[in-house]
Amino acid sequence: MCLTAILGSCVAFCLHDATARVGGMNHFLLPEPPGGDAQAARRYGAYLAEVLINEMIKRGAQRERMQAKVFGGARMIQGLSDIGAANAAFATTFLGNEGIPILSQSLGGERARRIEFWPATGRAFQRLVAGPIPEAAPVRAPRPVVVPTSGDAELF
């Protein structure tokens, strides 16, 4: 089986236990939910990382044997906050705190990536997606709605 993800500012880390031949990948857009909303936490990196590790352990992996490959965290749109850097920092810090060594990483930059990961072998392949970085579009105020005060109005 091959797992695939397309990453821009998102980060994915691929975990593998070579002895158990067990692996998995997570893919997150943001590290943690704003305000600590427990229900929303299920879509964020901190929660998903724990789920991945626990599911691998259920399938015979041991935390001490897990190794990681980390991808993503690009700055996709100039002029906006660099969420990719925050995602990359979260991933490397989380893995370090868990004692899971990072065998390889491809983080940052300005291009999206397509990642392919084979969980049973731990093999990962990255392909950079071509294309220029878009500039952030200027935010324009909405046009005011003009409501006639008298007379006929035609709606279409």
N, C-alpha and C. Protein backbone atom coordinates (compact mmCIF):
# COMPACT_ATOMS: atom_id res chain seq x y z
N MET A 1 0.83 -1.16 0.00
CA MET A 1 0.00 0.00 0.00
C MET A 1 0.89 1.24 0.00
N CYS A 2 0.45 2.26 -0.70
CA CYS A 2 1.16 3.54 -0.75
C CYS A 2 0.21 4.63 -0.30
N LEU A 3 0.65 5.44 0.67
CA LEU A 3 -0.12 6.60 1.14
C LEU A 3 0.40 7.82 0.41
N THR A 4 -0.50 8.71 0.00
CA THR A 4 -0.11 9.90 -0.76
C THR A 4 -0.73 11.13 -0.13
N ALA A 5 0.01 12.23 -0.12
CA ALA A 5 -0.50 13.51 0.37
C ALA A 5 0.08 14.62 -0.49
N ILE A 6 -0.72 15.66 -0.71
CA ILE A 6 -0.25 16.88 -1.35
C ILE A 6 -0.14 17.92 -0.24
N LEU A 7 1.04 18.52 -0.11
CA LEU A 7 1.31 19.45 0.99
C LEU A 7 1.71 20.81 0.46
N GLY A 8 1.13 21.84 1.01
CA GLY A 8 1.59 23.20 0.80
C GLY A 8 2.20 23.65 2.11
N SER A 9 1.43 24.45 2.86
CA SER A 9 1.88 24.86 4.19
C SER A 9 1.62 23.75 5.21
N CYS A 10 0.81 22.77 4.83
CA CYS A 10 0.56 21.62 5.71
C CYS A 10 1.87 20.85 5.93
N VAL A 11 1.88 20.05 6.96
CA VAL A 11 3.02 19.17 7.23
C VAL A 11 2.50 17.75 7.40
N ALA A 12 3.26 16.81 6.90
CA ALA A 12 2.97 15.39 7.13
C ALA A 12 4.22 14.77 7.70
N PHE A 13 4.03 13.89 8.68
CA PHE A 13 5.16 13.08 9.04
C PHE A 13 4.80 11.62 8.92
N CYS A 14 5.78 10.91 8.41
CA CYS A 14 5.67 9.48 8.14
C CYS A 14 6.46 8.77 9.23
N LEU A 15 5.79 7.89 9.96
CA LEU A 15 6.45 7.13 11.01
C LEU A 15 6.57 5.68 10.58
N HIS A 16 7.66 5.03 11.02
CA HIS A 16 7.90 3.66 10.61
C HIS A 16 8.65 2.92 11.71
N ASP A 17 8.24 1.68 11.95
CA ASP A 17 8.96 0.76 12.83
C ASP A 17 9.41 -0.38 11.94
N ALA A 18 10.71 -0.45 11.64
CA ALA A 18 11.24 -1.43 10.70
C ALA A 18 11.10 -2.86 11.21
N THR A 19 11.22 -3.07 12.50
CA THR A 19 11.12 -4.42 13.05
C THR A 19 9.70 -4.97 12.91
N ALA A 20 8.71 -4.15 13.26
CA ALA A 20 7.31 -4.57 13.18
C ALA A 20 6.75 -4.42 11.76
N ARG A 21 7.50 -3.72 10.89
CA ARG A 21 7.03 -3.42 9.52
C ARG A 21 5.68 -2.72 9.55
N VAL A 22 5.59 -1.73 10.44
CA VAL A 22 4.37 -0.95 10.62
C VAL A 22 4.72 0.51 10.41
N GLY A 23 3.85 1.22 9.72
CA GLY A 23 4.08 2.64 9.51
C GLY A 23 2.77 3.36 9.31
N GLY A 24 2.85 4.67 9.28
CA GLY A 24 1.67 5.50 9.04
C GLY A 24 2.07 6.93 8.76
N MET A 25 1.12 7.68 8.24
CA MET A 25 1.36 9.10 7.90
C MET A 25 0.21 9.93 8.48
N ASN A 26 0.56 11.09 9.00
CA ASN A 26 -0.48 12.06 9.33
C ASN A 26 -0.26 13.30 8.47
N HIS A 27 -1.27 14.13 8.39
CA HIS A 27 -1.24 15.31 7.52
C HIS A 27 -2.10 16.35 8.22
N PHE A 28 -1.48 17.47 8.61
CA PHE A 28 -2.25 18.47 9.35
C PHE A 28 -2.02 19.87 8.78
N LEU A 29 -3.07 20.69 8.93
CA LEU A 29 -3.04 22.06 8.44
C LEU A 29 -2.54 23.03 9.50
N LEU A 30 -2.86 22.76 10.75
CA LEU A 30 -2.44 23.62 11.86
C LEU A 30 -2.04 22.75 13.04
N PRO A 31 -1.09 23.21 13.87
CA PRO A 31 -0.63 22.40 15.00
C PRO A 31 -1.70 22.16 16.06
N GLU A 32 -2.37 23.22 16.52
CA GLU A 32 -3.33 23.11 17.61
C GLU A 32 -4.49 24.06 17.35
N PRO A 33 -5.68 23.69 17.86
CA PRO A 33 -6.84 24.57 17.65
C PRO A 33 -6.74 25.82 18.50
N PRO A 34 -7.26 26.93 18.00
CA PRO A 34 -7.28 28.13 18.83
C PRO A 34 -8.28 27.94 19.97
N GLY A 35 -7.92 28.37 21.15
CA GLY A 35 -8.83 28.33 22.29
C GLY A 35 -8.99 26.99 22.96
N GLY A 36 -8.27 25.96 22.51
CA GLY A 36 -8.32 24.67 23.18
C GLY A 36 -9.63 23.92 23.03
N ASP A 37 -10.39 24.14 21.97
CA ASP A 37 -11.64 23.44 21.72
C ASP A 37 -11.37 21.94 21.52
N ALA A 38 -11.79 21.11 22.46
CA ALA A 38 -11.48 19.67 22.44
C ALA A 38 -12.08 18.99 21.21
N GLN A 39 -13.28 19.37 20.80
CA GLN A 39 -13.91 18.75 19.64
C GLN A 39 -13.15 19.11 18.36
N ALA A 40 -12.75 20.36 18.24
CA ALA A 40 -12.00 20.80 17.06
C ALA A 40 -10.60 20.21 17.03
N ALA A 41 -10.07 19.84 18.19
CA ALA A 41 -8.69 19.33 18.28
C ALA A 41 -8.47 18.11 17.40
N ARG A 42 -9.50 17.39 17.07
CA ARG A 42 -9.38 16.17 16.27
C ARG A 42 -8.86 16.42 14.86
N ARG A 43 -8.83 17.65 14.43
CA ARG A 43 -8.38 17.98 13.08
C ARG A 43 -6.98 18.60 13.07
N TYR A 44 -6.31 18.64 14.21
CA TYR A 44 -5.04 19.35 14.32
C TYR A 44 -3.88 18.41 14.63
N GLY A 45 -2.67 18.91 14.39
CA GLY A 45 -1.46 18.12 14.47
C GLY A 45 -1.23 17.43 15.80
N ALA A 46 -1.43 18.11 16.90
CA ALA A 46 -1.14 17.51 18.21
C ALA A 46 -1.99 16.26 18.44
N TYR A 47 -3.26 16.35 18.15
CA TYR A 47 -4.15 15.20 18.32
C TYR A 47 -3.83 14.10 17.32
N LEU A 48 -3.68 14.46 16.06
CA LEU A 48 -3.44 13.46 15.01
C LEU A 48 -2.12 12.72 15.22
N ALA A 49 -1.11 13.40 15.73
CA ALA A 49 0.17 12.74 15.99
C ALA A 49 0.01 11.66 17.05
N GLU A 50 -0.72 11.96 18.10
CA GLU A 50 -0.96 10.97 19.16
C GLU A 50 -1.76 9.78 18.63
N VAL A 51 -2.77 10.06 17.81
CA VAL A 51 -3.57 8.99 17.23
C VAL A 51 -2.69 8.08 16.38
N LEU A 52 -1.83 8.66 15.55
CA LEU A 52 -0.95 7.86 14.68
C LEU A 52 -0.04 6.96 15.52
N ILE A 53 0.61 7.53 16.52
CA ILE A 53 1.51 6.74 17.37
C ILE A 53 0.76 5.61 18.06
N ASN A 54 -0.41 5.92 18.63
CA ASN A 54 -1.18 4.90 19.34
C ASN A 54 -1.67 3.79 18.41
N GLU A 55 -2.08 4.15 17.20
CA GLU A 55 -2.53 3.13 16.24
C GLU A 55 -1.38 2.23 15.81
N MET A 56 -0.20 2.80 15.65
CA MET A 56 0.96 1.99 15.29
C MET A 56 1.30 1.02 16.42
N ILE A 57 1.23 1.48 17.66
CA ILE A 57 1.51 0.62 18.82
C ILE A 57 0.50 -0.53 18.87
N LYS A 58 -0.76 -0.25 18.58
CA LYS A 58 -1.78 -1.30 18.54
C LYS A 58 -1.45 -2.38 17.51
N ARG A 59 -0.71 -1.99 16.47
CA ARG A 59 -0.37 -2.92 15.39
C ARG A 59 1.03 -3.55 15.56
N GLY A 60 1.61 -3.39 16.75
CA GLY A 60 2.86 -4.06 17.05
C GLY A 60 4.11 -3.19 17.05
N ALA A 61 4.00 -1.92 16.70
CA ALA A 61 5.16 -1.03 16.73
C ALA A 61 5.52 -0.69 18.17
N GLN A 62 6.75 -0.31 18.38
CA GLN A 62 7.20 0.19 19.68
C GLN A 62 7.74 1.60 19.49
N ARG A 63 7.36 2.47 20.39
CA ARG A 63 7.76 3.88 20.30
C ARG A 63 9.28 4.03 20.19
N GLU A 64 10.04 3.18 20.91
CA GLU A 64 11.51 3.28 20.90
C GLU A 64 12.11 2.96 19.53
N ARG A 65 11.38 2.24 18.70
CA ARG A 65 11.90 1.87 17.38
C ARG A 65 11.38 2.77 16.26
N MET A 66 10.45 3.64 16.56
CA MET A 66 9.86 4.49 15.53
C MET A 66 10.87 5.50 15.01
N GLN A 67 10.81 5.72 13.72
CA GLN A 67 11.63 6.73 13.05
C GLN A 67 10.72 7.54 12.14
N ALA A 68 11.10 8.79 11.90
CA ALA A 68 10.23 9.70 11.16
C ALA A 68 10.91 10.28 9.93
N LYS A 69 10.06 10.61 8.96
CA LYS A 69 10.43 11.43 7.81
C LYS A 69 9.37 12.53 7.76
N VAL A 70 9.82 13.78 7.63
CA VAL A 70 8.92 14.92 7.77
C VAL A 70 8.96 15.78 6.50
N PHE A 71 7.78 16.21 6.05
CA PHE A 71 7.67 16.95 4.80
C PHE A 71 6.67 18.10 4.93
N GLY A 72 6.86 19.14 4.11
CA GLY A 72 5.88 20.21 3.98
C GLY A 72 6.34 21.51 4.62
N GLY A 73 5.36 22.30 5.04
CA GLY A 73 5.65 23.56 5.72
C GLY A 73 6.12 24.67 4.80
N ALA A 74 5.68 24.66 3.55
CA ALA A 74 6.09 25.71 2.61
C ALA A 74 5.36 27.01 2.90
N ARG A 75 5.96 28.10 2.47
CA ARG A 75 5.29 29.40 2.52
C ARG A 75 4.64 29.58 1.16
N MET A 76 3.36 29.31 1.09
CA MET A 76 2.68 29.22 -0.19
C MET A 76 2.22 30.57 -0.74
N ILE A 77 1.93 31.53 0.12
CA ILE A 77 1.46 32.83 -0.35
C ILE A 77 2.26 33.92 0.33
N GLN A 78 2.98 34.68 -0.46
CA GLN A 78 3.76 35.79 0.08
C GLN A 78 2.82 36.86 0.61
N GLY A 79 3.20 37.49 1.70
CA GLY A 79 2.41 38.57 2.25
C GLY A 79 1.45 38.14 3.34
N LEU A 80 1.34 36.84 3.58
CA LEU A 80 0.50 36.34 4.67
C LEU A 80 1.39 35.73 5.74
N SER A 81 0.80 35.41 6.88
CA SER A 81 1.60 34.80 7.94
C SER A 81 2.18 33.47 7.46
N ASP A 82 3.31 33.09 8.01
CA ASP A 82 4.02 31.88 7.57
C ASP A 82 3.59 30.69 8.42
N ILE A 83 2.38 30.18 8.15
CA ILE A 83 1.88 29.04 8.92
C ILE A 83 2.72 27.80 8.64
N GLY A 84 3.32 27.71 7.46
CA GLY A 84 4.16 26.56 7.14
C GLY A 84 5.32 26.43 8.11
N ALA A 85 5.94 27.54 8.46
CA ALA A 85 7.05 27.51 9.42
C ALA A 85 6.57 27.07 10.80
N ALA A 86 5.38 27.52 11.20
CA ALA A 86 4.83 27.11 12.49
C ALA A 86 4.53 25.61 12.49
N ASN A 87 4.00 25.10 11.38
CA ASN A 87 3.72 23.67 11.28
C ASN A 87 5.00 22.85 11.34
N ALA A 88 6.03 23.29 10.63
CA ALA A 88 7.31 22.58 10.62
C ALA A 88 7.93 22.57 12.01
N ALA A 89 7.88 23.71 12.69
CA ALA A 89 8.43 23.80 14.04
C ALA A 89 7.68 22.87 14.99
N PHE A 90 6.36 22.84 14.86
CA PHE A 90 5.57 21.94 15.71
C PHE A 90 6.00 20.48 15.48
N ALA A 91 6.09 20.07 14.22
CA ALA A 91 6.40 18.67 13.91
C ALA A 91 7.76 18.27 14.47
N THR A 92 8.78 19.08 14.24
CA THR A 92 10.12 18.71 14.72
C THR A 92 10.20 18.74 16.25
N THR A 93 9.52 19.70 16.86
CA THR A 93 9.51 19.77 18.33
C THR A 93 8.75 18.58 18.91
N PHE A 94 7.59 18.27 18.35
CA PHE A 94 6.79 17.14 18.84
C PHE A 94 7.59 15.84 18.77
N LEU A 95 8.18 15.58 17.62
CA LEU A 95 8.94 14.34 17.45
C LEU A 95 10.14 14.29 18.40
N GLY A 96 10.81 15.42 18.58
CA GLY A 96 11.93 15.48 19.53
C GLY A 96 11.48 15.18 20.95
N ASN A 97 10.35 15.77 21.35
CA ASN A 97 9.82 15.54 22.69
C ASN A 97 9.40 14.08 22.90
N GLU A 98 8.97 13.44 21.83
CA GLU A 98 8.55 12.03 21.91
C GLU A 98 9.74 11.07 21.79
N GLY A 99 10.91 11.60 21.50
CA GLY A 99 12.09 10.75 21.35
C GLY A 99 12.11 9.97 20.05
N ILE A 100 11.41 10.47 19.04
CA ILE A 100 11.36 9.80 17.74
C ILE A 100 12.34 10.52 16.81
N PRO A 101 13.40 9.83 16.39
CA PRO A 101 14.39 10.49 15.54
C PRO A 101 13.84 10.76 14.14
N ILE A 102 14.28 11.88 13.58
CA ILE A 102 13.91 12.25 12.21
C ILE A 102 15.05 11.80 11.30
N LEU A 103 14.76 10.81 10.46
CA LEU A 103 15.78 10.29 9.53
C LEU A 103 16.02 11.25 8.37
N SER A 104 14.95 11.87 7.89
CA SER A 104 15.09 12.84 6.81
C SER A 104 13.93 13.82 6.89
N GLN A 105 14.17 14.99 6.32
CA GLN A 105 13.12 16.01 6.31
C GLN A 105 13.29 16.91 5.10
N SER A 106 12.17 17.43 4.65
CA SER A 106 12.13 18.43 3.59
C SER A 106 11.05 19.41 4.01
N LEU A 107 11.50 20.49 4.66
CA LEU A 107 10.59 21.46 5.24
C LEU A 107 10.87 22.86 4.71
N GLY A 108 9.81 23.66 4.64
CA GLY A 108 9.96 25.05 4.22
C GLY A 108 9.96 25.21 2.72
N GLY A 109 10.59 26.28 2.28
CA GLY A 109 10.60 26.56 0.85
C GLY A 109 9.33 27.26 0.41
N GLU A 110 9.14 27.29 -0.89
CA GLU A 110 8.02 28.03 -1.46
C GLU A 110 7.21 27.21 -2.45
N ARG A 111 7.39 25.90 -2.42
CA ARG A 111 6.67 25.06 -3.38
C ARG A 111 5.94 23.93 -2.66
N ALA A 112 4.81 23.56 -3.24
CA ALA A 112 4.06 22.43 -2.71
C ALA A 112 4.80 21.13 -3.03
N ARG A 113 4.44 20.08 -2.32
CA ARG A 113 5.08 18.78 -2.50
C ARG A 113 4.00 17.70 -2.61
N ARG A 114 4.31 16.69 -3.37
CA ARG A 114 3.51 15.47 -3.37
C ARG A 114 4.37 14.40 -2.70
N ILE A 115 3.82 13.78 -1.66
CA ILE A 115 4.54 12.77 -0.89
C ILE A 115 3.90 11.42 -1.12
N GLU A 116 4.74 10.42 -1.33
CA GLU A 116 4.29 9.04 -1.39
C GLU A 116 5.05 8.28 -0.30
N PHE A 117 4.32 7.48 0.47
CA PHE A 117 4.93 6.76 1.58
C PHE A 117 4.40 5.33 1.61
N TRP A 118 5.33 4.39 1.72
CA TRP A 118 5.01 2.97 1.82
C TRP A 118 5.21 2.56 3.28
N PRO A 119 4.11 2.41 4.05
CA PRO A 119 4.21 2.16 5.49
C PRO A 119 4.96 0.88 5.87
N ALA A 120 4.84 -0.17 5.10
CA ALA A 120 5.48 -1.44 5.47
C ALA A 120 6.99 -1.38 5.37
N THR A 121 7.51 -0.55 4.45
CA THR A 121 8.96 -0.50 4.24
C THR A 121 9.59 0.78 4.78
N GLY A 122 8.77 1.84 4.97
CA GLY A 122 9.31 3.11 5.42
C GLY A 122 9.84 3.98 4.29
N ARG A 123 9.72 3.50 3.05
CA ARG A 123 10.21 4.25 1.90
C ARG A 123 9.30 5.45 1.65
N ALA A 124 9.91 6.61 1.40
CA ALA A 124 9.16 7.83 1.10
C ALA A 124 9.75 8.48 -0.13
N PHE A 125 8.88 9.09 -0.93
CA PHE A 125 9.29 9.76 -2.15
C PHE A 125 8.60 11.12 -2.19
N GLN A 126 9.37 12.15 -2.57
CA GLN A 126 8.84 13.50 -2.66
C GLN A 126 9.01 14.03 -4.08
N ARG A 127 7.96 14.68 -4.55
CA ARG A 127 8.03 15.36 -5.84
C ARG A 127 7.56 16.81 -5.60
N LEU A 128 8.38 17.78 -5.99
CA LEU A 128 7.98 19.18 -5.84
C LEU A 128 6.99 19.53 -6.95
N VAL A 129 5.97 20.30 -6.58
CA VAL A 129 4.95 20.72 -7.53
C VAL A 129 5.40 22.04 -8.14
N ALA A 130 5.39 22.11 -9.45
CA ALA A 130 5.85 23.32 -10.15
C ALA A 130 4.83 24.44 -10.00
N GLY A 131 5.32 25.65 -10.10
CA GLY A 131 4.42 26.79 -10.09
C GLY A 131 4.95 27.92 -9.24
N PRO A 132 4.66 29.16 -9.66
CA PRO A 132 5.10 30.33 -8.88
C PRO A 132 4.25 30.50 -7.63
N ILE A 133 4.78 31.24 -6.68
CA ILE A 133 4.05 31.55 -5.46
C ILE A 133 3.11 32.71 -5.74
N PRO A 134 1.83 32.54 -5.45
CA PRO A 134 0.92 33.67 -5.67
C PRO A 134 1.11 34.74 -4.61
N GLU A 135 0.87 35.95 -5.00
CA GLU A 135 0.89 37.06 -4.04
C GLU A 135 -0.45 37.09 -3.34
N ALA A 136 -0.45 37.56 -2.12
CA ALA A 136 -1.71 37.70 -1.39
C ALA A 136 -2.55 38.76 -2.08
N ALA A 137 -3.79 38.44 -2.34
CA ALA A 137 -4.69 39.39 -2.99
C ALA A 137 -5.05 40.49 -2.00
N PRO A 138 -5.10 41.73 -2.49
CA PRO A 138 -5.50 42.80 -1.57
C PRO A 138 -6.94 42.59 -1.12
N VAL A 139 -7.20 42.91 0.12
CA VAL A 139 -8.54 42.78 0.66
C VAL A 139 -9.30 44.05 0.32
N ARG A 140 -10.41 43.88 -0.33
CA ARG A 140 -11.23 45.03 -0.73
C ARG A 140 -12.50 45.05 0.11
N ALA A 141 -12.92 46.23 0.46
CA ALA A 141 -14.17 46.38 1.19
C ALA A 141 -15.31 46.00 0.26
N PRO A 142 -16.34 45.36 0.79
CA PRO A 142 -17.47 45.00 -0.07
C PRO A 142 -18.17 46.25 -0.58
N ARG A 143 -18.74 46.13 -1.78
CA ARG A 143 -19.48 47.26 -2.35
C ARG A 143 -20.74 47.49 -1.54
N PRO A 144 -21.05 48.75 -1.29
CA PRO A 144 -22.29 49.01 -0.54
C PRO A 144 -23.50 48.66 -1.41
N VAL A 145 -24.53 48.16 -0.76
CA VAL A 145 -25.77 47.84 -1.44
C VAL A 145 -26.60 49.11 -1.48
N VAL A 146 -27.00 49.50 -2.67
CA VAL A 146 -27.81 50.70 -2.82
C VAL A 146 -29.26 50.26 -2.93
N VAL A 147 -30.05 50.74 -2.02
CA VAL A 147 -31.49 50.42 -2.00
C VAL A 147 -32.24 51.68 -2.36
N PRO A 148 -33.05 51.61 -3.44
CA PRO A 148 -33.80 52.81 -3.80
C PRO A 148 -34.79 53.19 -2.70
N THR A 149 -34.89 54.48 -2.45
CA THR A 149 -35.81 54.95 -1.40
C THR A 149 -37.20 55.17 -1.96
N SER A 150 -37.34 55.30 -3.27
CA SER A 150 -38.67 55.45 -3.87
C SER A 150 -38.58 55.02 -5.32
N GLY A 151 -39.71 54.84 -5.94
CA GLY A 151 -39.71 54.45 -7.33
C GLY A 151 -39.70 52.94 -7.50
N ASP A 152 -39.63 52.52 -8.74
CA ASP A 152 -39.63 51.09 -9.04
C ASP A 152 -38.21 50.53 -8.94
N ALA A 153 -38.16 49.27 -8.59
CA ALA A 153 -36.89 48.58 -8.54
C ALA A 153 -37.02 47.30 -9.34
N GLU A 154 -36.06 47.03 -10.16
CA GLU A 154 -36.04 45.79 -10.95
C GLU A 154 -34.96 44.88 -10.38
N LEU A 155 -35.38 43.70 -10.01
CA LEU A 155 -34.45 42.73 -9.46
C LEU A 155 -34.15 41.69 -10.51
N PHE A 156 -32.91 41.34 -10.65
CA PHE A 156 -32.53 40.31 -11.63
C PHE A 156 -31.41 39.51 -11.12
